[in-house]
Amino acid sequence: MRVLVTGGSGFIGRHVVAALRADGHAVSVADRTDFADPDVGCVTGELEDAAVRAAAVEEGLDAVVHLAAETSVLGSIERPELVHRVNVDVTAALLELCRARAVDVFVLASTNAVVGVVDETMTETVPLAPLTPYGATKAAAEMLLSGYHGAYGLRTPVLRMTNVYGPGMRHKDSFVPRLMRAAAGGEGVEVYGDGRQRRDLVHVSDVARAFALAVRDWPAGPVIIGSGASSTVLDLVEAARTATGRPIPVCHVDAKPGEMPAVVVDTALARGRGWEPQVSLVDGLRSAWADFTSSAAPDVV
């Protein structure tokens, strides 16, 4: 297949491109930054620009994997209009281009944040009830895909990811890179609230395999992609200490608005489609640590 990966130069995107190429697909990328491998064609620019979208969604394309997005939950509270423009308007415009140019498959990177607080294990049937503008924009994008599937027959799998981590996220501001920076610098890390909120972390290599499978033959609709094993934030700190061999002191600060108290997911649907998470938390954190220290300051070993 000929597959376009939007956001393909980013943290998750680079791994997805590699997984798709390993499966034999011809892959191109659209991103605001150039793709590192010159063997992969890249349309560089903002997808808010109609000319960039038109150049990226070429005639004869078979599938789009749409990763490009504004992904900061807390940032979406500060900049809701920007997040809506990028996550909803751009998705709608790409879908319309796919309809016009007979692209058969559109795979969306979504999030468990579309369902908000859930007192039980999250499944794909939990009603949408996002708590933040970020979650709301992803829920809106999911509905757009559903509409294009129903009206025009596009195959539109939606991958609702939990917290993705692994090599290549040194410059991000999520909790795992903050842990890695704290370990490398011999400093502490801030933990919101009491640190007993639960999170599901899934390794980026496992996520990339899920996207490759979804492109191949997964049907339309949401599927949860997570490890299926939730840990408290304090447990994550302890796992990072094990992975890095560093003490990583903790400083507790007030909880932020929009933060979910618990993320516990059921991955049975994805497993039934042939996907299994393969990387354990400590091993995954070791891979992130090795990647982080490979380009850290010379005195970091």
Protein backbone atom coordinates (compact mmCIF):
# COMPACT_ATOMS: atom_id res chain seq x y z
CA MET A 1 0.00 0.00 0.00
CA ARG A 2 0.95 3.65 -0.40
CA VAL A 3 0.59 5.18 3.06
CA LEU A 4 0.86 8.80 4.22
CA VAL A 5 1.81 9.37 7.86
CA THR A 6 0.96 12.86 9.10
CA GLY A 7 3.22 13.86 11.97
CA GLY A 8 5.62 11.18 10.75
CA SER A 9 8.71 13.11 11.91
CA GLY A 10 7.49 13.10 15.50
CA PHE A 11 8.08 10.74 18.41
CA ILE A 12 5.38 8.18 17.59
CA GLY A 13 5.45 8.93 13.87
CA ARG A 14 9.04 7.82 13.32
CA HIS A 15 8.27 4.44 14.87
CA VAL A 16 5.06 4.07 12.84
CA VAL A 17 6.90 4.87 9.61
CA ALA A 18 9.51 2.22 10.44
CA ALA A 19 6.83 -0.40 11.22
CA LEU A 20 4.94 0.32 7.99
CA ARG A 21 8.09 0.14 5.91
CA ALA A 22 9.04 -3.13 7.59
CA ASP A 23 5.66 -4.47 6.40
CA GLY A 24 6.58 -3.53 2.82
CA HIS A 25 4.46 -0.40 2.39
CA ALA A 26 5.60 2.66 0.45
CA VAL A 27 5.47 5.41 3.06
CA SER A 28 5.46 9.21 2.77
CA VAL A 29 5.33 11.79 5.54
CA ALA A 30 3.71 15.17 6.10
CA ASP A 31 5.15 17.16 8.99
CA ARG A 32 6.20 20.65 9.97
CA THR A 33 9.79 19.32 10.14
CA ASP A 34 11.71 17.28 7.57
CA PHE A 35 11.87 13.51 7.93
CA ALA A 36 15.36 12.31 8.86
CA ASP A 37 15.58 9.54 6.23
CA PRO A 38 15.93 10.89 2.66
CA ASP A 39 14.50 7.62 1.32
CA VAL A 40 11.11 8.62 2.73
CA GLY A 41 9.33 11.37 0.80
CA CYS A 42 8.27 14.27 3.02
CA VAL A 43 5.93 17.20 2.46
CA THR A 44 7.15 19.81 4.94
CA GLY A 45 4.80 22.46 6.24
CA GLU A 46 1.74 23.12 8.39
CA LEU A 47 -1.26 20.92 7.64
CA GLU A 48 -3.46 23.95 8.32
CA ASP A 49 -2.22 25.11 4.89
CA ALA A 50 -4.47 23.75 2.15
CA ALA A 51 -1.53 23.57 -0.30
CA VAL A 52 0.43 21.38 2.10
CA ARG A 53 -2.54 19.05 2.54
CA ALA A 54 -3.10 18.84 -1.20
CA ALA A 55 0.55 17.97 -1.80
CA ALA A 56 0.54 15.33 0.92
CA VAL A 57 -2.68 13.50 -0.04
CA GLU A 58 -1.55 12.48 -3.51
CA GLU A 59 -3.60 10.78 -6.16
CA GLY A 60 -3.16 7.01 -5.89
CA LEU A 61 -2.66 7.05 -2.11
CA ASP A 62 -4.17 4.03 -0.35
CA ALA A 63 -4.16 5.05 3.31
CA VAL A 64 -3.56 7.93 5.73
CA VAL A 65 -2.31 7.46 9.28
CA HIS A 66 -3.18 10.74 11.01
CA LEU A 67 -0.86 11.38 13.94
CA ALA A 68 -0.32 15.13 13.55
CA ALA A 69 -2.04 16.95 16.41
CA GLU A 70 -1.73 19.29 19.34
CA THR A 71 -1.36 16.75 22.13
CA SER A 72 -0.83 18.66 25.38
CA VAL A 73 -3.78 18.19 27.71
CA LEU A 74 -2.82 21.10 29.97
CA GLY A 75 -1.84 23.20 26.95
CA SER A 76 -5.29 22.69 25.48
CA ILE A 77 -6.80 24.40 28.50
CA GLU A 78 -4.65 27.47 27.79
CA ARG A 79 -5.06 27.43 23.97
CA PRO A 80 -8.40 25.77 23.13
CA GLU A 81 -8.90 27.59 19.81
CA LEU A 82 -5.52 26.44 18.45
CA VAL A 83 -6.17 22.87 19.54
CA HIS A 84 -9.57 22.85 17.84
CA ARG A 85 -8.13 24.25 14.63
CA VAL A 86 -5.35 21.67 14.43
CA ASN A 87 -7.15 18.61 15.79
CA VAL A 88 -10.62 19.08 14.31
CA ASP A 89 -10.46 21.40 11.31
CA VAL A 90 -7.36 19.77 9.84
CA THR A 91 -8.81 16.29 10.36
CA ALA A 92 -12.01 17.31 8.56
CA ALA A 93 -10.04 18.77 5.65
CA LEU A 94 -7.88 15.65 5.32
CA LEU A 95 -10.94 13.41 5.35
CA GLU A 96 -12.52 15.45 2.58
CA LEU A 97 -9.35 15.17 0.49
CA CYS A 98 -9.37 11.41 1.05
CA ARG A 99 -12.98 11.22 -0.12
CA ALA A 100 -12.26 13.31 -3.20
CA ARG A 101 -9.13 11.34 -4.11
CA ALA A 102 -10.52 7.86 -3.37
CA VAL A 103 -8.24 7.04 -0.44
CA ASP A 104 -9.71 3.93 1.14
CA VAL A 105 -8.27 3.96 4.69
CA PHE A 106 -7.92 6.70 7.32
CA VAL A 107 -6.44 5.68 10.69
CA LEU A 108 -6.71 8.20 13.53
CA ALA A 109 -4.46 8.50 16.57
CA SER A 110 -6.87 9.16 19.42
CA THR A 111 -6.72 8.92 23.20
CA ASN A 112 -8.40 7.53 26.28
CA ALA A 113 -9.04 11.20 27.21
CA VAL A 114 -12.17 11.15 25.02
CA VAL A 115 -14.10 9.38 27.79
CA GLY A 116 -13.10 11.43 30.84
CA VAL A 117 -13.37 9.98 34.34
CA VAL A 118 -14.48 6.37 34.40
CA ASP A 119 -15.15 4.57 37.67
CA GLU A 120 -14.52 1.22 36.06
CA THR A 121 -12.27 -0.29 33.46
CA MET A 122 -12.38 1.63 30.16
CA THR A 123 -13.71 -0.21 27.13
CA GLU A 124 -14.56 1.00 23.66
CA THR A 125 -18.26 1.20 24.61
CA VAL A 126 -17.86 3.81 27.37
CA PRO A 127 -19.71 7.01 26.33
CA LEU A 128 -17.65 9.97 25.19
CA ALA A 129 -17.38 12.58 27.96
CA PRO A 130 -14.04 14.43 27.70
CA LEU A 131 -12.83 16.68 30.52
CA THR A 132 -10.55 18.98 28.51
CA PRO A 133 -10.47 20.75 25.14
CA TYR A 134 -7.85 18.22 24.01
CA GLY A 135 -10.12 15.28 24.78
CA ALA A 136 -13.05 17.09 23.19
CA THR A 137 -11.17 17.68 19.93
CA LYS A 138 -10.18 14.03 19.71
CA ALA A 139 -13.78 12.99 20.38
CA ALA A 140 -14.91 15.34 17.60
CA ALA A 141 -12.32 13.86 15.24
CA GLU A 142 -13.59 10.36 16.05
CA MET A 143 -17.11 11.44 15.13
CA LEU A 144 -15.87 12.87 11.82
CA LEU A 145 -14.30 9.52 10.97
CA SER A 146 -17.51 7.74 11.90
CA GLY A 147 -19.46 10.01 9.58
CA TYR A 148 -17.11 9.47 6.65
CA HIS A 149 -17.22 5.73 7.20
CA GLY A 150 -21.01 5.72 7.28
CA ALA A 151 -21.55 8.08 4.35
CA TYR A 152 -18.67 7.23 2.03
CA GLY A 153 -17.38 3.83 3.07
CA LEU A 154 -13.90 4.88 4.21
CA ARG A 155 -12.35 2.29 6.52
CA THR A 156 -11.62 4.40 9.59
CA PRO A 157 -9.95 2.62 12.53
CA VAL A 158 -9.41 4.80 15.61
CA LEU A 159 -6.59 3.90 18.00
CA ARG A 160 -7.30 5.22 21.49
CA MET A 161 -3.85 5.24 23.04
CA THR A 162 -2.95 5.45 26.69
CA ASN A 163 0.34 7.13 27.72
CA VAL A 164 2.93 6.34 25.05
CA TYR A 165 6.61 6.33 26.01
CA GLY A 166 9.96 5.06 24.75
CA PRO A 167 13.01 6.15 22.75
CA GLY A 168 12.79 9.46 20.93
CA MET A 169 10.88 11.59 23.43
CA ARG A 170 13.74 13.55 25.00
CA HIS A 171 12.21 16.90 24.09
CA LYS A 172 8.67 16.16 25.26
CA ASP A 173 7.25 17.33 28.58
CA SER A 174 5.25 14.28 29.63
CA PHE A 175 6.05 12.39 32.82
CA VAL A 176 8.52 9.81 31.46
CA PRO A 177 10.92 12.36 29.91
CA ARG A 178 10.65 14.42 33.09
CA LEU A 179 11.71 11.32 35.00
CA MET A 180 14.60 10.76 32.60
CA ARG A 181 15.76 14.37 32.90
CA ALA A 182 15.58 14.17 36.68
CA ALA A 183 17.63 10.97 36.67
CA ALA A 184 20.24 12.41 34.29
CA GLY A 185 20.57 15.67 36.21
CA GLY A 186 20.56 14.15 39.69
CA GLU A 187 17.46 16.17 40.49
CA GLY A 188 13.96 15.53 41.77
CA VAL A 189 10.71 15.26 39.85
CA GLU A 190 7.39 16.96 40.57
CA VAL A 191 4.46 14.66 41.25
CA TYR A 192 0.96 16.11 41.08
CA GLY A 193 -1.15 15.50 44.19
CA ASP A 194 -0.41 12.41 46.25
CA GLY A 195 0.95 10.43 43.30
CA ARG A 196 -1.63 7.67 43.68
CA GLN A 197 -3.39 8.46 40.41
CA ARG A 198 -3.11 5.47 38.11
CA ARG A 199 -1.74 5.49 34.59
CA ASP A 200 -1.40 2.93 31.80
CA LEU A 201 1.90 3.26 29.90
CA VAL A 202 2.37 1.57 26.53
CA HIS A 203 5.70 1.36 24.72
CA VAL A 204 6.01 3.17 21.41
CA SER A 205 7.17 0.03 19.59
CA ASP A 206 3.97 -1.73 20.63
CA VAL A 207 1.94 1.27 19.45
CA ALA A 208 3.71 1.27 16.07
CA ARG A 209 2.78 -2.39 15.54
CA ALA A 210 -0.84 -1.57 16.30
CA PHE A 211 -0.91 1.13 13.61
CA ALA A 212 0.66 -1.24 11.08
CA LEU A 213 -2.02 -3.84 11.83
CA ALA A 214 -4.79 -1.23 11.66
CA VAL A 215 -3.67 -0.06 8.23
CA ARG A 216 -3.69 -3.63 6.98
CA ASP A 217 -7.20 -4.75 7.90
CA TRP A 218 -8.72 -3.41 11.12
CA PRO A 219 -12.34 -2.30 10.73
CA ALA A 220 -13.73 1.17 11.41
CA GLY A 221 -14.28 2.30 14.97
CA PRO A 222 -12.30 2.72 18.18
CA VAL A 223 -9.88 0.23 19.69
CA ILE A 224 -7.93 0.79 22.90
CA ILE A 225 -4.13 0.47 22.70
CA GLY A 226 -2.50 0.22 26.11
CA SER A 227 -0.48 -2.14 28.24
CA GLY A 228 -3.56 -3.24 30.18
CA ALA A 229 -1.56 -2.88 33.41
CA SER A 230 -2.03 0.39 35.31
CA SER A 231 0.48 1.74 37.82
CA THR A 232 0.35 4.62 40.25
CA VAL A 233 2.57 7.60 39.49
CA LEU A 234 4.65 6.67 42.54
CA ASP A 235 5.03 3.16 41.06
CA LEU A 236 6.28 4.75 37.84
CA VAL A 237 8.88 6.70 39.79
CA GLU A 238 10.05 3.48 41.44
CA ALA A 239 10.22 1.70 38.07
CA ALA A 240 12.28 4.60 36.69
CA ARG A 241 14.67 4.31 39.64
CA THR A 242 15.12 0.63 38.82
CA ALA A 243 15.61 1.31 35.11
CA THR A 244 18.08 4.17 35.54
CA GLY A 245 19.84 3.22 38.76
CA ARG A 246 19.27 6.79 39.98
CA PRO A 247 17.48 7.89 43.20
CA ILE A 248 15.04 10.44 41.58
CA PRO A 249 13.67 12.30 44.62
CA VAL A 250 9.99 13.28 44.55
CA CYS A 251 8.45 16.70 45.26
CA HIS A 252 4.66 16.74 45.60
CA VAL A 253 2.80 19.74 44.12
CA ASP A 254 -0.87 20.60 43.72
CA ALA A 255 -2.80 18.55 41.18
CA LYS A 256 -3.58 20.22 37.84
CA PRO A 257 -7.11 20.75 36.46
CA GLY A 258 -8.21 18.22 33.88
CA GLU A 259 -5.99 15.44 35.20
CA MET A 260 -7.73 12.06 35.32
CA PRO A 261 -7.52 10.24 38.66
CA ALA A 262 -7.22 6.80 37.08
CA VAL A 263 -6.70 5.23 33.68
CA VAL A 264 -7.49 1.51 33.67
CA VAL A 265 -8.15 0.02 30.25
CA ASP A 266 -9.34 -3.24 28.74
CA THR A 267 -7.32 -4.20 25.64
CA ALA A 268 -9.32 -7.32 24.79
CA LEU A 269 -10.56 -5.93 21.47
CA ALA A 270 -7.03 -5.19 20.23
CA ARG A 271 -5.81 -8.56 21.45
CA GLY A 272 -8.63 -10.23 19.57
CA ARG A 273 -7.31 -8.58 16.40
CA GLY A 274 -3.85 -10.06 16.84
CA TRP A 275 -2.12 -7.29 18.79
CA GLU A 276 -0.34 -7.85 22.10
CA PRO A 277 1.83 -5.44 24.10
CA GLN A 278 5.28 -6.98 24.34
CA VAL A 279 7.47 -4.50 26.26
CA SER A 280 7.39 -4.49 30.07
CA LEU A 281 7.41 -1.19 31.94
CA VAL A 282 10.93 -1.50 33.35
CA ASP A 283 12.37 -2.71 30.04
CA GLY A 284 10.59 0.11 28.24
CA LEU A 285 11.95 2.67 30.68
CA ARG A 286 15.42 1.20 30.18
CA SER A 287 15.06 1.79 26.43
CA ALA A 288 14.01 5.40 27.05
CA TRP A 289 16.94 5.89 29.44
CA ALA A 290 19.45 4.45 26.94
CA ASP A 291 18.11 6.77 24.25
CA PHE A 292 18.09 9.75 26.60
CA THR A 293 21.67 9.29 27.79
CA SER A 294 23.01 8.63 24.28
CA SER A 295 22.82 12.36 23.52
CA ALA A 296 22.94 13.77 27.04
CA ALA A 297 25.81 15.78 28.51
CA PRO A 298 29.22 14.06 28.48
CA ASP A 299 29.25 13.64 32.26
CA VAL A 300 26.07 11.54 32.17
CA VAL A 301 26.77 7.83 32.02
